[in-house]
């Protein structure tokens, strides 16, 4: 079997990521009806009120404290994060270590104001 090219390897990785996102969201929805929509609404609310850069881990803690139940796999938050990025609700502004990733660096986010989107 020939070694895949770099672009083929990245395409395969994207496919695995998308499959994993769908699976984790479906699992969350089976466990808690409309979880994805409620998680997205919570993320939008958090992004609107939080002024300093934050990690998804910090958002998860806040969301839990504000009534959002944890999904069976925390990976479900990856799909919610991508949805918010694609809809320009949040943007990446840097990286910082997090406890959830054993000190590995994770993205720092800020909310994107509606003014920035229309400019």
Protein backbone atom coordinates (compact mmCIF):
# COMPACT_ATOMS: atom_id res chain seq x y z
CA UNK A 1 0.00 0.00 0.00
CA UNK A 2 1.51 3.37 -1.03
CA UNK A 3 2.12 6.06 1.57
CA UNK A 4 -0.62 8.73 1.39
CA UNK A 5 0.35 12.23 0.34
CA UNK A 6 0.19 15.02 2.89
CA UNK A 7 -3.09 16.31 1.46
CA UNK A 8 -4.58 12.79 1.49
CA UNK A 9 -3.52 12.34 5.12
CA UNK A 10 -5.12 15.67 6.11
CA UNK A 11 -8.30 14.81 4.17
CA UNK A 12 -8.52 11.50 6.04
CA UNK A 13 -7.94 13.30 9.34
CA UNK A 14 -10.75 15.78 8.56
CA UNK A 15 -13.07 12.89 7.72
CA UNK A 16 -12.25 11.17 11.03
CA UNK A 17 -12.78 14.47 12.89
CA UNK A 18 -16.16 15.04 11.25
CA UNK A 19 -17.25 11.47 11.95
CA UNK A 20 -16.19 11.83 15.58
CA UNK A 21 -18.06 15.13 15.94
CA UNK A 22 -21.26 13.65 14.52
CA UNK A 23 -20.98 10.58 16.75
CA UNK A 24 -20.36 12.60 19.93
CA UNK A 25 -23.22 15.03 19.18
CA UNK A 26 -25.63 12.16 18.45
CA UNK A 27 -24.59 10.51 21.70
CA UNK A 28 -25.21 13.76 23.60
CA UNK A 29 -28.61 14.15 21.93
CA UNK A 30 -29.57 10.56 22.87
CA UNK A 31 -28.64 11.31 26.46
CA UNK A 32 -30.24 14.78 26.65
CA UNK A 33 -32.78 16.03 24.12
CA UNK A 34 -31.69 19.16 22.19
CA UNK A 35 -28.34 19.16 23.97
CA UNK A 36 -26.47 20.59 20.97
CA UNK A 37 -28.83 23.56 20.57
CA UNK A 38 -28.77 24.27 24.30
CA UNK A 39 -24.97 24.01 24.37
CA UNK A 40 -24.67 26.36 21.39
CA UNK A 41 -27.05 28.88 23.01
CA UNK A 42 -24.99 28.69 26.20
CA UNK A 43 -21.78 29.28 24.25
CA UNK A 44 -23.31 32.29 22.52
CA UNK A 45 -24.38 33.70 25.88
CA UNK A 46 -20.95 33.08 27.41
CA UNK A 47 -19.19 34.67 24.43
CA UNK A 48 -21.40 37.76 24.76
CA UNK A 49 -20.67 38.33 28.45
CA UNK A 50 -17.05 37.23 28.74
CA UNK A 51 -14.60 40.01 27.96
CA UNK A 52 -11.20 38.36 28.52
CA UNK A 53 -10.00 35.45 26.37
CA UNK A 54 -11.17 32.04 27.61
CA UNK A 55 -10.84 28.35 26.84
CA UNK A 56 -13.61 25.90 26.03
CA UNK A 57 -12.74 24.20 29.30
CA UNK A 58 -13.65 27.43 31.15
CA UNK A 59 -16.86 27.68 29.15
CA UNK A 60 -17.75 24.08 30.05
CA UNK A 61 -17.37 24.85 33.77
CA UNK A 62 -19.55 27.94 33.39
CA UNK A 63 -22.17 26.07 31.35
CA UNK A 64 -22.34 23.29 33.94
CA UNK A 65 -22.83 25.91 36.68
CA UNK A 66 -25.63 27.43 34.58
CA UNK A 67 -27.58 24.22 34.09
CA UNK A 68 -26.14 22.56 30.96
CA UNK A 69 -25.63 18.87 31.59
CA UNK A 70 -22.39 17.23 30.53
CA UNK A 71 -22.64 15.07 27.42
CA UNK A 72 -21.48 11.43 27.65
CA UNK A 73 -18.23 12.56 25.99
CA UNK A 74 -16.81 16.04 26.38
CA UNK A 75 -15.73 15.72 22.74
CA UNK A 76 -19.26 16.85 21.88
CA UNK A 77 -18.12 20.38 22.73
CA UNK A 78 -15.82 20.21 19.71
CA UNK A 79 -18.81 20.27 17.37
CA UNK A 80 -20.37 23.15 19.28
CA UNK A 81 -17.10 25.07 19.11
CA UNK A 82 -16.79 24.55 15.34
CA UNK A 83 -20.40 25.66 14.87
CA UNK A 84 -19.68 28.87 16.79
CA UNK A 85 -16.47 29.49 14.83
CA UNK A 86 -18.19 28.93 11.47
CA UNK A 87 -21.05 31.25 12.45
CA UNK A 88 -18.51 33.84 13.62
CA UNK A 89 -19.85 33.89 17.17
CA UNK A 90 -16.32 33.33 18.51
CA UNK A 91 -12.78 33.60 17.20
CA UNK A 92 -9.38 32.23 18.25
CA UNK A 93 -7.03 34.86 19.69
CA UNK A 94 -4.23 32.75 21.14
CA UNK A 95 -3.36 29.60 23.05
CA UNK A 96 -2.95 28.61 26.72
CA UNK A 97 -2.37 25.40 28.69
CA UNK A 98 -5.44 23.69 30.18
CA UNK A 99 -5.89 21.12 32.94
CA UNK A 100 -8.17 18.98 30.76
CA UNK A 101 -5.35 18.42 28.28
CA UNK A 102 -2.64 17.73 30.87
CA UNK A 103 -1.20 21.19 30.43
CA UNK A 104 -1.15 21.10 26.63
CA UNK A 105 -1.97 24.37 24.92
CA UNK A 106 -5.54 24.90 23.78
CA UNK A 107 -7.17 27.73 21.87
CA UNK A 108 -8.21 30.93 23.61
CA UNK A 109 -11.45 32.44 22.32
CA UNK A 110 -13.30 35.71 22.48
CA UNK A 111 -16.81 36.53 21.39
CA UNK A 112 -17.17 38.36 18.10
CA UNK A 113 -19.43 41.37 18.44
CA UNK A 114 -22.09 41.95 15.83
CA UNK A 115 -20.34 45.21 14.95
CA UNK A 116 -17.17 43.33 13.97
CA UNK A 117 -19.15 40.95 11.75
CA UNK A 118 -20.78 43.76 9.75
CA UNK A 119 -17.59 45.81 9.33
